[in-house]
Amino acid sequence: MNESSRSVFDRFHLLTLVVLFLAALCIRLYDLTDLPLDFHPTRQLLSAIKARGMYYETLTDAPADLRRFAIQQGNQRVTIEPEILEQLTVFTWKFTGDQLWVARVYSILFWLIGGIFLYLLARDLFSKDSALFAAAFHLLLPYAVIASRSFQPDPLMVALIIAFWWSVNRWAKSLTPVPSSTSPVPQPATRNLYPAISSSWQYAIAASLFGGLAIFIKLNAAFFIIGGALGAALGRASLRDLLRNQQVWAMAALGILPGMSWVIYGLMRGFLGQFFKDRFLPAMFLTPSFYFGWTQMLDNVLGLLPFALALLGLLLVDSRPTRSFLLGLWGGYLAFALFFNYHISTHDYYSLPLIPIAALTLTPLANAIVAQISNVRHNTIAALILTICLLAPLWTARAALKSVDYRPQAAFWNHIGETVRGHRVVALAEDYAMPFVYWGWTATTNWPDSSDIEYHALRGGGQTFEKYFDRLTKNKDLFLVTDLADLKRQPDLQARLSGFAIFAQGDGYLIYDLANPLP
C-alpha cells in the first residue's frame, strides 16, 4: 500500500472509530431519564438512597421530615465499596437537583473511557484494524449498553481494570530483551518529556495507579488485576526473574495500598465484615443449580455462542506473550467465579468484566477474517456485513430500553407511601422494598422473598415459619404485599396473612391489617 492509500485508509479508520464511539454514546443516552429499574434495581437503588441521604445533608431549606428520613435511610444502608460514584452524583446534583440520570451519565462516560483503553490494548496485542472489532463488541453488546448505564460502581471498576491491562501489557514489553545486532539501525531522535523516568517505570506507575484504584473502587477487581498482571509478566519472563525485578515489587506495593487501606478502615469501623461472609459456598459445587445458573448468567451477558467463540479464539493466538496474557485474564475470571460461586450463578453483572475479556479473545477470529479479505468485492461485502452487525445490536438495545416505561412506578410507590403513612409496615415487595423507600418515603421491615429463603436454607440457617413471622411482625401494624407472584410461592405466608383483614388494596398491591385478625 502506497503512502497516499495508507493516508486515506487511516482517515477512514479514524472516522469509523469516531462513528463507533458516537453510536455507543447515543444509544446509551436514549431514554436517559427513565427510572433505574431496568437493570438490577436493588443495587442501583442502594446507591440512589445513599446518594440522596448525602445530598439532603447539604440542604438547609428542605422539609425537616423529608431531610431527616433521607439522611437516616442513607446512613443505615450497607456500605461495601467507597461511595465515589455517589459523591460525584451528589456534587452534580448541586447544579441539577436530585436527578437520577446524572449517575447514568457518569457510568456511560466511564464505560466509553474503558472502550478507548480496550481499543489501544487490542492494537498492541493484534492489529489496528481488528482493534475496531474489540472496541465495537465492548461498546455495542446489548447487555453492555444496559449495564453501563447503571448507578453502581461496576462500570468505573471495569474501565480501570482495562486501563490497568493496557498499562501492564505495555510495561511487560520492557521485560523482553532487545536483540543484539552487529549493524544497529540508527533510530530517529525523540524528545523525552520525562528524562528522569524510563518508559518502563512510567507504565509501571500507571499500572499501579489504575490497578490500585480499580481494587479500591471494588475489591472484586483484584482477581482481574492479578490475573492480567501474571499473564502479561509470565509471558515474557520467568517467575524467578520477576521476583528480582524492583518494578514488580513497586507495582505490587502501590497497587495493594489503596484497597488494603479500605479493607483495614472497613474492618475497624465494622461495616466490611459482611463482604467476606457467605460469598463462598462449597456446597454449591455439588448442586446442578450452580452450573445451570452460571450458564444462564453467561448467556445473559455474552450469549453462549460468543462465549464459545471467545474460548476458541485463544487457539488462534500464535504469540506466546499475547496467549499468556489472555490466559491470565481468563484465569482471573475463573478464580473470581469459583470464589464468588453463589453470586456468579445468580447475579449476571458479576460477569461484567468478562465482556472486555471476550472482546479481546474474539479479536483473533476477526483478525483471521480480515486477513482473508483481499479484493474490492470482498471488502464491499465485508463492509455491508459489518454495517448490519453494527446496526443490529443498536436496534436490540433500543428495543430493550423502549420496551418498558418505568416512570409510572414513582407515582405507584408514592401512592402506597401516602396510604400507609404513620403506620409501622412489614413488606414483601420487589427489590427489598427499596422503591418504596425511595419514592414512597416510607421505611419498612422486609419479609424475605422465596429466593432469599432458599439461600438461607443453603447456608444451613433459618427457623420455623411461625417464629420468624412473629419476630418480624412484632409491634407492626400493616403487612404490605406488592410482589403478589412471590406470595403465591410462599403458601405458609399466604395462609397466615389470609387470617387478617384487608387494610387497603389496589392494582398491584395488598395491605393486610395485622391489628385486625379475622374471627
Protein backbone atom coordinates (compact mmCIF):
# COMPACT_ATOMS: atom_id res chain seq x y z
CA MET A 1 0.00 0.00 0.00
CA ASN A 2 1.48 3.36 -1.08
CA GLU A 3 1.65 6.40 1.17
CA SER A 4 -1.43 8.06 -0.35
CA SER A 5 -3.56 4.94 0.03
CA ARG A 6 -2.35 4.48 3.60
CA SER A 7 -3.31 8.07 4.42
CA VAL A 8 -6.84 7.56 3.06
CA PHE A 9 -7.16 4.29 4.93
CA ASP A 10 -6.01 5.90 8.18
CA ARG A 11 -8.58 8.66 7.83
CA PHE A 12 -11.31 6.08 7.17
CA HIS A 13 -10.16 4.10 10.19
CA LEU A 14 -10.33 7.20 12.39
CA LEU A 15 -13.77 8.08 11.03
CA THR A 16 -15.00 4.55 11.75
CA LEU A 17 -13.67 4.77 15.29
CA VAL A 18 -15.35 8.13 15.91
CA VAL A 19 -18.68 6.89 14.49
CA LEU A 20 -18.41 3.78 16.68
CA PHE A 21 -18.00 5.79 19.88
CA LEU A 22 -20.69 8.29 18.88
CA ALA A 23 -23.12 5.44 18.22
CA ALA A 24 -22.22 3.91 21.60
CA LEU A 25 -22.83 7.25 23.32
CA CYS A 26 -26.11 7.98 21.57
CA ILE A 27 -27.70 4.60 22.26
CA ARG A 28 -26.85 4.97 25.95
CA LEU A 29 -28.39 8.43 26.12
CA TYR A 30 -31.67 7.10 24.73
CA ASP A 31 -34.44 7.12 27.35
CA LEU A 32 -31.94 8.58 29.80
CA THR A 33 -34.48 9.91 32.29
CA ASP A 34 -36.35 6.64 32.84
CA LEU A 35 -36.19 5.28 36.39
CA PRO A 36 -33.25 2.97 37.24
CA LEU A 37 -35.42 -0.14 37.42
CA ASP A 38 -34.30 -1.71 34.14
CA PHE A 39 -31.12 -3.30 35.48
CA HIS A 40 -30.67 -4.80 38.96
CA PRO A 41 -32.79 -2.13 40.67
CA THR A 42 -31.86 -3.34 44.15
CA ARG A 43 -28.20 -2.44 43.57
CA GLN A 44 -28.97 0.80 41.78
CA LEU A 45 -31.44 1.99 44.40
CA LEU A 46 -28.96 1.20 47.15
CA SER A 47 -26.64 3.81 45.63
CA ALA A 48 -29.56 6.15 44.94
CA ILE A 49 -30.76 6.06 48.56
CA LYS A 50 -27.23 6.62 49.87
CA ALA A 51 -26.69 9.49 47.42
CA ARG A 52 -30.00 11.12 48.37
CA GLY A 53 -29.02 10.96 52.03
CA MET A 54 -25.71 12.70 51.28
CA TYR A 55 -27.49 15.29 49.16
CA TYR A 56 -30.10 16.13 51.80
CA GLU A 57 -27.33 16.63 54.33
CA THR A 58 -26.25 19.59 52.22
CA LEU A 59 -29.76 21.07 52.04
CA THR A 60 -30.88 23.54 54.67
CA ASP A 61 -34.22 24.53 53.17
CA ALA A 62 -35.69 21.02 52.65
CA PRO A 63 -38.73 19.97 54.74
CA ALA A 64 -37.42 18.72 58.07
CA ASP A 65 -39.22 15.36 57.97
CA LEU A 66 -38.02 14.55 54.44
CA ARG A 67 -34.48 15.65 55.25
CA ARG A 68 -34.41 13.52 58.41
CA PHE A 69 -35.80 10.48 56.59
CA ALA A 70 -33.40 10.76 53.64
CA ILE A 71 -30.34 11.11 55.87
CA GLN A 72 -31.42 8.26 58.15
CA GLN A 73 -32.11 5.87 55.28
CA GLY A 74 -28.86 6.77 53.55
CA ASN A 75 -26.80 6.21 56.69
CA GLN A 76 -28.33 2.86 57.58
CA ARG A 77 -27.70 1.28 54.15
CA VAL A 78 -24.93 -1.27 53.94
CA THR A 79 -21.51 0.05 52.89
CA ILE A 80 -19.21 -2.25 50.92
CA GLU A 81 -17.46 -0.05 48.34
CA PRO A 82 -16.23 3.53 48.65
CA GLU A 83 -19.03 5.86 47.59
CA ILE A 84 -17.15 7.50 44.71
CA LEU A 85 -19.98 7.49 42.16
CA GLU A 86 -22.41 8.65 44.83
CA GLN A 87 -20.13 11.56 45.71
CA LEU A 88 -19.77 12.58 42.07
CA THR A 89 -23.54 12.39 41.66
CA VAL A 90 -24.22 14.48 44.77
CA PHE A 91 -21.72 17.10 43.61
CA THR A 92 -23.55 17.36 40.28
CA TRP A 93 -26.96 17.44 41.98
CA LYS A 94 -25.98 20.81 43.41
CA PHE A 95 -26.47 22.15 39.88
CA THR A 96 -29.17 19.82 38.51
CA GLY A 97 -31.21 18.83 41.55
CA ASP A 98 -31.56 15.18 42.58
CA GLN A 99 -31.96 13.71 39.10
CA LEU A 100 -31.07 10.01 38.92
CA TRP A 101 -29.98 10.28 35.28
CA VAL A 102 -26.85 12.13 36.43
CA ALA A 103 -25.34 8.89 37.74
CA ARG A 104 -26.15 7.24 34.41
CA VAL A 105 -24.13 9.86 32.54
CA TYR A 106 -21.09 9.21 34.73
CA SER A 107 -21.34 5.42 34.26
CA ILE A 108 -21.69 5.88 30.50
CA LEU A 109 -18.57 8.04 30.36
CA PHE A 110 -16.61 5.50 32.40
CA TRP A 111 -17.60 2.67 30.03
CA LEU A 112 -16.61 4.70 26.97
CA ILE A 113 -13.24 5.54 28.53
CA GLY A 114 -12.77 1.83 29.12
CA GLY A 115 -13.53 1.30 25.44
CA ILE A 116 -10.70 3.67 24.50
CA PHE A 117 -8.19 1.71 26.57
CA LEU A 118 -9.52 -1.58 25.18
CA TYR A 119 -9.01 -0.30 21.64
CA LEU A 120 -5.42 0.70 22.48
CA LEU A 121 -4.77 -2.67 24.11
CA ALA A 122 -6.19 -4.61 21.17
CA ARG A 123 -3.96 -2.58 18.81
CA ASP A 124 -0.93 -3.58 20.88
CA LEU A 125 -1.91 -7.24 21.01
CA PHE A 126 -3.20 -7.73 17.47
CA SER A 127 -3.62 -5.08 14.78
CA LYS A 128 -5.07 -1.65 14.23
CA ASP A 129 -7.91 -2.97 12.07
CA SER A 130 -9.02 -5.78 14.35
CA ALA A 131 -8.90 -3.43 17.37
CA LEU A 132 -12.03 -1.83 15.94
CA PHE A 133 -13.84 -5.12 16.44
CA ALA A 134 -12.76 -5.37 20.09
CA ALA A 135 -13.98 -1.84 20.76
CA ALA A 136 -17.27 -2.45 18.90
CA PHE A 137 -18.00 -5.62 20.85
CA HIS A 138 -17.30 -3.89 24.16
CA LEU A 139 -19.36 -0.83 23.30
CA LEU A 140 -22.33 -2.26 21.40
CA LEU A 141 -23.09 -5.59 23.05
CA PRO A 142 -26.74 -5.12 24.13
CA TYR A 143 -26.09 -6.27 27.69
CA ALA A 144 -23.16 -3.84 27.94
CA VAL A 145 -25.37 -0.97 26.77
CA ILE A 146 -27.87 -1.58 29.58
CA ALA A 147 -25.32 -2.42 32.28
CA SER A 148 -23.11 0.58 31.55
CA ARG A 149 -26.00 2.94 32.38
CA SER A 150 -26.42 1.62 35.90
CA PHE A 151 -25.99 3.53 39.15
CA GLN A 152 -23.34 1.24 40.64
CA PRO A 153 -19.52 1.17 40.76
CA ASP A 154 -19.03 -1.64 38.23
CA PRO A 155 -18.68 0.46 35.03
CA LEU A 156 -15.94 2.53 36.69
CA MET A 157 -14.28 -0.62 38.02
CA VAL A 158 -14.26 -2.24 34.56
CA ALA A 159 -12.80 0.92 32.97
CA LEU A 160 -9.95 0.98 35.50
CA ILE A 161 -9.31 -2.76 35.04
CA ILE A 162 -8.97 -2.29 31.27
CA ALA A 163 -6.69 0.72 31.78
CA PHE A 164 -4.56 -1.47 34.04
CA TRP A 165 -4.39 -4.24 31.44
CA TRP A 166 -3.22 -1.76 28.82
CA SER A 167 -0.51 -0.26 31.03
CA VAL A 168 0.74 -3.56 32.46
CA ASN A 169 0.97 -5.04 28.95
CA ARG A 170 2.99 -2.01 27.85
CA TRP A 171 5.20 -2.42 30.90
CA ALA A 172 5.67 -6.14 30.27
CA LYS A 173 7.23 -5.40 26.87
CA SER A 174 10.22 -3.97 28.71
CA LEU A 175 10.89 -7.47 30.10
CA THR A 176 11.78 -8.75 26.62
CA PRO A 177 15.49 -8.23 25.93
CA VAL A 178 16.23 -6.20 22.84
CA PRO A 179 18.01 -8.48 20.32
CA SER A 180 21.63 -7.55 19.70
CA SER A 181 22.75 -6.61 16.22
CA THR A 182 26.16 -6.11 14.71
CA SER A 183 24.77 -3.37 12.48
CA PRO A 184 22.32 -1.41 14.53
CA VAL A 185 19.91 0.77 12.61
CA PRO A 186 20.11 4.38 13.77
CA GLN A 187 16.88 5.49 15.42
CA PRO A 188 15.48 8.98 14.92
CA ALA A 189 15.92 11.27 17.88
CA THR A 190 12.83 11.69 20.02
CA ARG A 191 12.13 14.20 22.70
CA ASN A 192 11.82 12.61 26.14
CA LEU A 193 9.37 14.63 28.20
CA TYR A 194 10.34 12.68 31.33
CA PRO A 195 14.11 12.22 31.08
CA ALA A 196 14.44 11.09 34.69
CA ILE A 197 11.92 8.25 34.39
CA SER A 198 12.27 5.38 31.94
CA SER A 199 9.25 4.36 29.89
CA SER A 200 9.06 1.06 31.77
CA TRP A 201 8.81 2.91 35.08
CA GLN A 202 6.14 5.20 33.63
CA TYR A 203 3.99 2.23 32.64
CA ALA A 204 4.72 0.51 35.96
CA ILE A 205 3.49 3.56 37.87
CA ALA A 206 0.44 3.89 35.61
CA ALA A 207 -0.39 0.21 36.14
CA SER A 208 -0.06 0.67 39.89
CA LEU A 209 -2.41 3.63 39.89
CA PHE A 210 -5.04 2.05 37.64
CA GLY A 211 -4.89 -1.33 39.37
CA GLY A 212 -4.91 0.14 42.85
CA LEU A 213 -7.85 2.39 42.06
CA ALA A 214 -9.80 -0.49 40.49
CA ILE A 215 -9.38 -2.59 43.64
CA PHE A 216 -10.22 0.43 45.79
CA ILE A 217 -13.45 1.04 43.85
CA LYS A 218 -14.47 -2.61 44.23
CA LEU A 219 -12.42 -5.34 45.86
CA ASN A 220 -13.65 -7.87 43.28
CA ALA A 221 -11.28 -6.24 40.78
CA ALA A 222 -8.29 -7.87 42.49
CA PHE A 223 -8.89 -11.15 40.65
CA PHE A 224 -8.77 -9.46 37.23
CA ILE A 225 -5.82 -7.28 38.19
CA ILE A 226 -3.75 -10.20 39.45
CA GLY A 227 -4.75 -12.40 36.50
CA GLY A 228 -3.81 -9.73 33.97
CA ALA A 229 -0.53 -8.93 35.71
CA LEU A 230 0.57 -12.57 35.93
CA GLY A 231 -0.46 -13.27 32.35
CA ALA A 232 1.42 -10.26 30.98
CA ALA A 233 4.56 -10.82 33.05
CA LEU A 234 4.89 -14.63 32.82
CA GLY A 235 4.53 -14.45 29.06
CA ARG A 236 7.85 -12.61 28.85
CA ALA A 237 9.87 -13.55 31.93
CA SER A 238 10.31 -16.37 34.43
CA LEU A 239 8.90 -16.17 37.93
CA ARG A 240 12.45 -16.07 39.29
CA ASP A 241 13.32 -13.04 37.17
CA LEU A 242 10.09 -11.30 38.16
CA LEU A 243 10.83 -11.76 41.86
CA ARG A 244 14.15 -9.98 41.31
CA ASN A 245 12.57 -7.06 39.46
CA GLN A 246 12.19 -3.98 41.65
CA GLN A 247 9.43 -2.61 39.40
CA VAL A 248 7.33 -5.70 40.18
CA TRP A 249 7.60 -5.06 43.90
CA ALA A 250 6.88 -1.37 43.44
CA MET A 251 3.74 -2.14 41.41
CA ALA A 252 2.59 -4.70 43.96
CA ALA A 253 3.06 -2.32 46.89
CA LEU A 254 1.42 0.68 45.21
CA GLY A 255 -1.40 -1.45 43.81
CA ILE A 256 -2.24 -3.09 47.12
CA LEU A 257 -2.12 0.08 49.21
CA PRO A 258 -5.49 1.71 48.29
CA GLY A 259 -7.54 -1.48 48.55
CA MET A 260 -5.78 -2.62 51.72
CA SER A 261 -6.38 0.79 53.30
CA TRP A 262 -10.09 0.48 52.55
CA VAL A 263 -10.25 -3.07 53.97
CA ILE A 264 -8.48 -2.02 57.19
CA TYR A 265 -10.72 1.03 57.53
CA GLY A 266 -13.86 -1.03 56.86
CA LEU A 267 -12.92 -3.76 59.33
CA MET A 268 -12.05 -1.22 62.00
CA ARG A 269 -15.37 0.56 61.50
CA GLY A 270 -17.18 -2.78 61.44
CA PHE A 271 -19.08 -2.40 58.16
CA LEU A 272 -16.92 -4.50 55.85
CA GLY A 273 -17.01 -7.85 57.63
CA GLN A 274 -20.06 -8.92 55.64
CA PHE A 275 -18.11 -8.61 52.37
CA PHE A 276 -16.19 -11.75 53.31
CA LYS A 277 -19.27 -13.54 54.64
CA ASP A 278 -21.34 -16.02 52.63
CA ARG A 279 -19.50 -15.27 49.37
CA PHE A 280 -18.12 -18.77 49.01
CA LEU A 281 -20.50 -21.71 49.49
CA PRO A 282 -18.66 -25.01 48.83
CA ALA A 283 -21.93 -26.96 48.86
CA MET A 284 -22.96 -25.22 45.66
CA PHE A 285 -20.34 -27.10 43.65
CA LEU A 286 -22.36 -30.28 44.29
CA THR A 287 -25.64 -28.82 43.06
CA PRO A 288 -26.64 -28.70 39.38
CA SER A 289 -28.32 -25.33 40.01
CA PHE A 290 -24.87 -23.72 40.35
CA TYR A 291 -23.76 -24.82 36.88
CA PHE A 292 -27.11 -24.13 35.24
CA GLY A 293 -27.25 -20.73 36.94
CA TRP A 294 -23.71 -19.81 35.86
CA THR A 295 -24.51 -20.89 32.31
CA GLN A 296 -27.62 -18.73 32.33
CA MET A 297 -25.64 -15.72 33.56
CA LEU A 298 -23.10 -16.21 30.75
CA ASP A 299 -25.93 -16.41 28.26
CA ASN A 300 -27.41 -13.18 29.64
CA VAL A 301 -24.13 -11.29 29.43
CA LEU A 302 -22.43 -12.60 26.27
CA GLY A 303 -24.60 -15.27 24.72
CA LEU A 304 -23.33 -18.83 24.76
CA LEU A 305 -22.17 -18.77 21.12
CA PRO A 306 -19.94 -15.67 21.54
CA PHE A 307 -18.67 -17.20 24.79
CA ALA A 308 -17.67 -20.42 23.00
CA LEU A 309 -16.11 -18.48 20.11
CA ALA A 310 -14.14 -16.37 22.56
CA LEU A 311 -12.62 -19.51 24.05
CA LEU A 312 -11.86 -20.85 20.57
CA GLY A 313 -10.20 -17.55 19.72
CA LEU A 314 -7.42 -18.45 22.16
CA LEU A 315 -6.39 -21.26 19.80
CA LEU A 316 -5.64 -18.73 17.04
CA VAL A 317 -3.12 -16.74 19.09
CA ASP A 318 0.41 -17.50 17.89
CA SER A 319 2.31 -15.01 20.04
CA ARG A 320 3.39 -16.54 23.35
CA PRO A 321 3.20 -13.25 25.32
CA THR A 322 -0.26 -12.50 23.94
CA ARG A 323 -1.53 -16.01 24.63
CA SER A 324 -0.14 -15.90 28.17
CA PHE A 325 -1.77 -12.52 28.78
CA LEU A 326 -5.19 -13.66 27.55
CA LEU A 327 -4.97 -16.90 29.55
CA GLY A 328 -4.19 -14.78 32.60
CA LEU A 329 -7.38 -12.78 32.05
CA TRP A 330 -9.49 -15.93 31.73
CA GLY A 331 -7.74 -17.45 34.74
CA GLY A 332 -8.59 -14.36 36.79
CA TYR A 333 -12.24 -14.65 35.79
CA LEU A 334 -12.32 -18.37 36.64
CA ALA A 335 -10.78 -17.80 40.07
CA PHE A 336 -13.24 -14.97 40.69
CA ALA A 337 -16.19 -17.16 39.66
CA LEU A 338 -15.14 -20.03 41.91
CA PHE A 339 -14.69 -17.73 44.90
CA PHE A 340 -17.98 -15.87 44.40
CA ASN A 341 -19.78 -19.04 43.39
CA TYR A 342 -23.20 -18.01 44.69
CA HIS A 343 -23.17 -14.58 43.10
CA ILE A 344 -21.65 -15.71 39.80
CA SER A 345 -24.61 -18.08 39.33
CA THR A 346 -27.32 -15.62 40.39
CA HIS A 347 -26.09 -12.09 39.56
CA ASP A 348 -25.23 -11.59 35.90
CA TYR A 349 -23.44 -8.27 36.48
CA TYR A 350 -20.75 -10.16 38.39
CA SER A 351 -19.60 -11.33 34.93
CA LEU A 352 -19.40 -7.77 33.59
CA PRO A 353 -15.55 -7.81 33.36
CA LEU A 354 -15.91 -10.83 31.07
CA ILE A 355 -17.13 -8.51 28.29
CA PRO A 356 -13.72 -6.91 27.57
CA ILE A 357 -12.03 -10.30 28.08
CA ALA A 358 -14.30 -11.87 25.48
CA ALA A 359 -13.79 -8.87 23.18
CA LEU A 360 -10.04 -9.45 23.24
CA THR A 361 -10.19 -13.21 22.69
CA LEU A 362 -12.74 -12.84 19.90
CA THR A 363 -10.40 -10.43 18.13
CA PRO A 364 -8.11 -13.17 16.69
CA LEU A 365 -11.16 -14.54 14.88
CA ALA A 366 -11.90 -11.09 13.46
CA ASN A 367 -8.22 -10.73 12.58
CA ALA A 368 -8.27 -14.01 10.67
CA ILE A 369 -11.35 -12.94 8.73
CA VAL A 370 -9.85 -9.54 7.86
CA ALA A 371 -6.70 -11.27 6.64
CA GLN A 372 -8.76 -13.31 4.14
CA ILE A 373 -10.37 -10.24 2.58
CA SER A 374 -8.06 -9.27 -0.24
CA ASN A 375 -10.07 -7.68 -3.03
CA VAL A 376 -12.53 -4.83 -3.53
CA ARG A 377 -15.56 -7.08 -3.97
CA HIS A 378 -14.87 -8.86 -0.72
CA ASN A 379 -14.24 -5.54 1.01
CA THR A 380 -17.65 -4.27 -0.10
CA ILE A 381 -19.41 -7.40 1.15
CA ALA A 382 -17.49 -7.23 4.41
CA ALA A 383 -18.44 -3.57 4.87
CA LEU A 384 -22.10 -4.43 4.32
CA ILE A 385 -21.98 -7.30 6.83
CA LEU A 386 -20.18 -5.17 9.41
CA THR A 387 -22.74 -2.38 8.97
CA ILE A 388 -25.57 -4.83 9.64
CA CYS A 389 -23.68 -6.19 12.64
CA LEU A 390 -23.33 -2.62 13.90
CA LEU A 391 -26.99 -1.71 13.47
CA ALA A 392 -28.42 -4.97 14.86
CA PRO A 393 -27.15 -4.59 18.45
CA LEU A 394 -28.07 -0.90 18.42
CA TRP A 395 -31.63 -1.80 17.45
CA THR A 396 -31.75 -4.61 20.02
CA ALA A 397 -30.56 -2.30 22.78
CA ARG A 398 -33.01 0.43 21.75
CA ALA A 399 -35.88 -2.07 21.74
CA ALA A 400 -34.94 -3.22 25.25
CA LEU A 401 -34.79 0.36 26.53
CA LYS A 402 -38.09 1.24 24.89
CA SER A 403 -39.96 -1.91 25.90
CA VAL A 404 -40.89 -0.71 29.39
CA ASP A 405 -41.54 2.77 30.76
CA TYR A 406 -40.78 2.71 34.48
CA ARG A 407 -41.74 6.32 35.19
CA PRO A 408 -45.27 5.44 36.47
CA GLN A 409 -43.60 3.40 39.22
CA ALA A 410 -42.71 6.59 41.08
CA ALA A 411 -46.39 7.54 41.42
CA PHE A 412 -47.31 3.94 42.35
CA TRP A 413 -44.90 3.81 45.28
CA ASN A 414 -45.73 7.35 46.34
CA HIS A 415 -49.43 6.41 46.50
CA ILE A 416 -48.71 3.41 48.71
CA GLY A 417 -46.49 5.56 50.90
CA GLU A 418 -49.31 8.03 51.44
CA THR A 419 -51.73 5.16 52.17
CA VAL A 420 -49.63 3.66 54.99
CA ARG A 421 -48.20 6.92 56.34
CA GLY A 422 -48.00 6.83 60.13
CA HIS A 423 -48.11 3.02 60.35
CA ARG A 424 -45.33 0.52 61.01
CA VAL A 425 -45.02 -1.74 57.98
CA VAL A 426 -43.68 -5.16 57.05
CA ALA A 427 -43.38 -5.65 53.29
CA LEU A 428 -42.97 -8.43 50.78
CA ALA A 429 -42.02 -6.15 47.92
CA GLU A 430 -39.79 -6.16 44.87
CA ASP A 431 -36.14 -5.23 45.33
CA TYR A 432 -36.24 -5.38 49.13
CA ALA A 433 -38.82 -2.55 49.14
CA MET A 434 -36.19 -0.04 48.06
CA PRO A 435 -38.53 1.58 45.50
CA PHE A 436 -40.98 2.02 48.41
CA VAL A 437 -38.26 3.73 50.45
CA TYR A 438 -37.09 5.95 47.59
CA TRP A 439 -40.38 7.08 46.02
CA GLY A 440 -42.76 6.24 48.86
CA TRP A 441 -40.63 7.97 51.50
CA THR A 442 -41.52 5.21 53.96
CA ALA A 443 -39.35 2.82 55.95
CA THR A 444 -40.27 -0.84 56.20
CA THR A 445 -39.16 -4.17 57.61
CA ASN A 446 -38.55 -6.57 54.73
CA TRP A 447 -40.05 -10.02 54.52
CA PRO A 448 -37.67 -12.30 52.51
CA ASP A 449 -38.76 -13.47 49.10
CA SER A 450 -38.63 -17.14 48.10
CA SER A 451 -35.10 -16.88 46.63
CA ASP A 452 -33.77 -15.47 49.91
CA ILE A 453 -35.43 -18.28 51.82
CA GLU A 454 -33.71 -20.82 49.55
CA TYR A 455 -30.39 -19.02 50.02
CA HIS A 456 -30.65 -19.12 53.81
CA ALA A 457 -31.61 -22.79 53.64
CA LEU A 458 -28.50 -23.45 51.53
CA ARG A 459 -26.38 -21.79 54.23
CA GLY A 460 -27.97 -24.05 56.81
CA GLY A 461 -29.73 -21.25 58.67
CA GLY A 462 -33.35 -20.48 59.28
CA GLN A 463 -36.08 -21.05 61.86
CA THR A 464 -39.69 -22.17 61.89
CA PHE A 465 -42.12 -20.07 59.92
CA GLU A 466 -44.28 -19.11 62.92
CA LYS A 467 -41.32 -17.90 64.98
CA TYR A 468 -39.98 -15.92 62.03
CA PHE A 469 -43.39 -14.40 61.30
CA ASP A 470 -43.92 -13.44 64.94
CA ARG A 471 -40.47 -11.86 65.15
CA LEU A 472 -40.79 -9.73 62.01
CA THR A 473 -44.37 -8.62 62.63
CA LYS A 474 -43.95 -7.82 66.32
CA ASN A 475 -45.15 -4.26 67.02
CA LYS A 476 -46.04 -3.80 63.33
CA ASP A 477 -49.38 -2.50 62.10
CA LEU A 478 -49.54 -3.48 58.44
CA PHE A 479 -48.21 -6.13 56.06
CA LEU A 480 -47.71 -4.77 52.55
CA VAL A 481 -47.52 -7.15 49.58
CA THR A 482 -46.63 -5.86 46.13
CA ASP A 483 -44.79 -8.98 44.94
CA LEU A 484 -48.00 -10.93 44.52
CA ALA A 485 -46.34 -13.64 42.44
CA ASP A 486 -43.84 -14.41 45.18
CA LEU A 487 -46.62 -14.50 47.77
CA LYS A 488 -48.07 -17.49 45.87
CA ARG A 489 -44.66 -19.17 46.10
CA GLN A 490 -44.86 -18.91 49.91
CA PRO A 491 -48.01 -20.87 50.86
CA ASP A 492 -47.31 -20.63 54.60
CA LEU A 493 -47.21 -16.84 54.43
CA GLN A 494 -50.24 -16.68 52.16
CA ALA A 495 -52.26 -18.81 54.56
CA ARG A 496 -51.13 -16.80 57.57
CA LEU A 497 -51.97 -13.44 56.02
CA SER A 498 -55.39 -14.65 54.96
CA GLY A 499 -56.27 -14.58 58.64
CA PHE A 500 -56.12 -10.77 58.74
CA ALA A 501 -58.50 -8.14 57.40
CA ILE A 502 -57.57 -6.14 54.31
CA PHE A 503 -56.49 -2.63 55.22
CA ALA A 504 -56.30 -1.44 51.60
CA GLN A 505 -55.81 -2.88 48.14
CA GLY A 506 -55.36 -1.68 44.61
CA ASP A 507 -53.85 -2.56 41.27
CA GLY A 508 -50.62 -4.36 42.15
CA TYR A 509 -50.76 -4.34 45.95
CA LEU A 510 -52.47 -5.74 49.04
CA ILE A 511 -52.17 -4.36 52.57
CA TYR A 512 -53.15 -6.59 55.49
CA ASP A 513 -54.14 -5.13 58.86
CA LEU A 514 -52.07 -7.01 61.43
CA ALA A 515 -54.04 -5.40 64.25
CA ASN A 516 -57.32 -6.79 62.95
CA PRO A 517 -57.29 -10.61 62.76
CA LEU A 518 -60.36 -12.23 61.29
CA PRO A 519 -62.56 -14.28 63.63
